[in-house]
Amino acid sequence: MTDKEFVCSCNKAFEYSKVFFNHFGYFCELPYTAIINLGKDAVAEFKNIIDKSITDNYDYTIEKYGTIPLPKGDSNDILID
C-alpha cells in the first residue's frame, strides 16, 4: 500500500467515524493497523461495523477496535483524580 492509498483509506475511515460520532456522541477507534495490512478491505469492514452499530444502537467497535466510550452526562462533571 502506498502512502497516498493509506491516507485516502484513513480519510474514508475518519468520515465513517464522524457518522458514528453524530449517533453516539463520541469518536470510535480507527483501525489503523488493519488498514495498513488489508487496505480497502479493512475500510469496508469498518464501514459495515459502523453501519451495524448505528442500526442496532450498540457500539460494536468496543469489542472490535477497543473503543473506550465516554461516560454519560456533562463532560464538565468529569473529575480528574
Protein backbone atom coordinates (compact mmCIF):
# COMPACT_ATOMS: atom_id res chain seq x y z
CA MET A 1 0.00 0.00 0.00
CA THR A 2 1.38 3.39 -0.96
CA ASP A 3 1.33 6.36 1.36
CA LYS A 4 -1.32 8.02 -0.79
CA GLU A 5 -3.59 4.94 -0.62
CA PHE A 6 -3.11 4.76 3.16
CA VAL A 7 -4.05 8.42 3.62
CA CYS A 8 -7.09 8.02 1.36
CA SER A 9 -8.22 4.92 3.28
CA CYS A 10 -7.73 6.68 6.63
CA ASN A 11 -9.72 9.68 5.39
CA LYS A 12 -12.61 7.40 4.40
CA ALA A 13 -12.49 5.66 7.79
CA PHE A 14 -12.48 9.04 9.53
CA GLU A 15 -15.56 10.11 7.55
CA TYR A 16 -17.34 6.97 8.77
CA SER A 17 -16.25 7.74 12.33
CA LYS A 18 -17.90 11.16 12.05
CA VAL A 19 -21.21 9.44 11.27
CA PHE A 20 -20.61 7.25 14.33
CA PHE A 21 -19.89 10.38 16.41
CA ASN A 22 -23.13 12.02 15.30
CA HIS A 23 -25.05 8.99 16.56
CA PHE A 24 -23.18 8.05 19.77
CA GLY A 25 -21.64 11.37 20.81
CA TYR A 26 -18.03 10.14 20.90
CA PHE A 27 -15.46 9.00 18.35
CA CYS A 28 -14.61 5.34 17.89
CA GLU A 29 -11.12 3.96 17.47
CA LEU A 30 -9.93 3.81 13.88
CA PRO A 31 -8.44 0.51 12.64
CA TYR A 32 -5.06 1.89 11.50
CA THR A 33 -3.23 -1.44 11.77
CA ALA A 34 -5.92 -3.23 9.79
CA ILE A 35 -5.86 -0.50 7.15
CA ILE A 36 -2.09 -0.90 6.80
CA ASN A 37 -2.41 -4.67 6.42
CA LEU A 38 -5.67 -5.01 4.48
CA GLY A 39 -6.26 -1.62 2.89
CA LYS A 40 -9.67 -1.14 1.28
CA ASP A 41 -10.99 -4.39 2.76
CA ALA A 42 -10.38 -3.06 6.28
CA VAL A 43 -12.16 0.19 5.46
CA ALA A 44 -15.13 -1.73 4.04
CA GLU A 45 -15.31 -3.88 7.19
CA PHE A 46 -15.05 -0.76 9.36
CA LYS A 47 -17.94 0.84 7.44
CA ASN A 48 -20.04 -2.30 7.93
CA ILE A 49 -19.35 -2.27 11.68
CA ILE A 50 -20.25 1.43 11.92
CA ASP A 51 -23.48 0.83 9.98
CA LYS A 52 -24.37 -2.16 12.16
CA SER A 53 -23.59 -0.20 15.35
CA ILE A 54 -25.89 2.62 14.30
CA THR A 55 -28.67 0.29 13.13
CA ASP A 56 -28.57 -1.76 16.35
CA ASN A 57 -27.80 1.27 18.55
CA TYR A 58 -24.94 -0.71 20.09
CA ASP A 59 -21.24 0.12 19.86
CA TYR A 60 -19.58 -2.93 18.27
CA THR A 61 -16.29 -1.00 17.96
CA ILE A 62 -15.69 -1.52 21.68
CA GLU A 63 -15.07 -5.23 21.12
CA LYS A 64 -13.54 -4.99 17.65
CA TYR A 65 -11.25 -1.95 17.91
CA GLY A 66 -11.02 -1.18 21.64
CA THR A 67 -13.10 1.99 21.67
CA ILE A 68 -13.50 3.43 25.16
CA PRO A 69 -16.86 5.21 25.32
CA LEU A 70 -17.20 8.47 27.18
CA PRO A 71 -19.26 8.39 30.37
CA LYS A 72 -22.82 9.65 30.14
CA GLY A 73 -23.57 13.14 31.37
CA ASP A 74 -21.97 16.54 31.16
CA SER A 75 -18.24 16.47 30.43
CA ASN A 76 -17.82 19.29 32.96
CA ASP A 77 -18.80 16.81 35.67
CA ILE A 78 -15.82 14.53 34.98
CA LEU A 79 -13.36 14.70 37.85
CA ILE A 80 -9.67 14.05 37.43
CA ASP A 81 -8.16 12.43 40.46
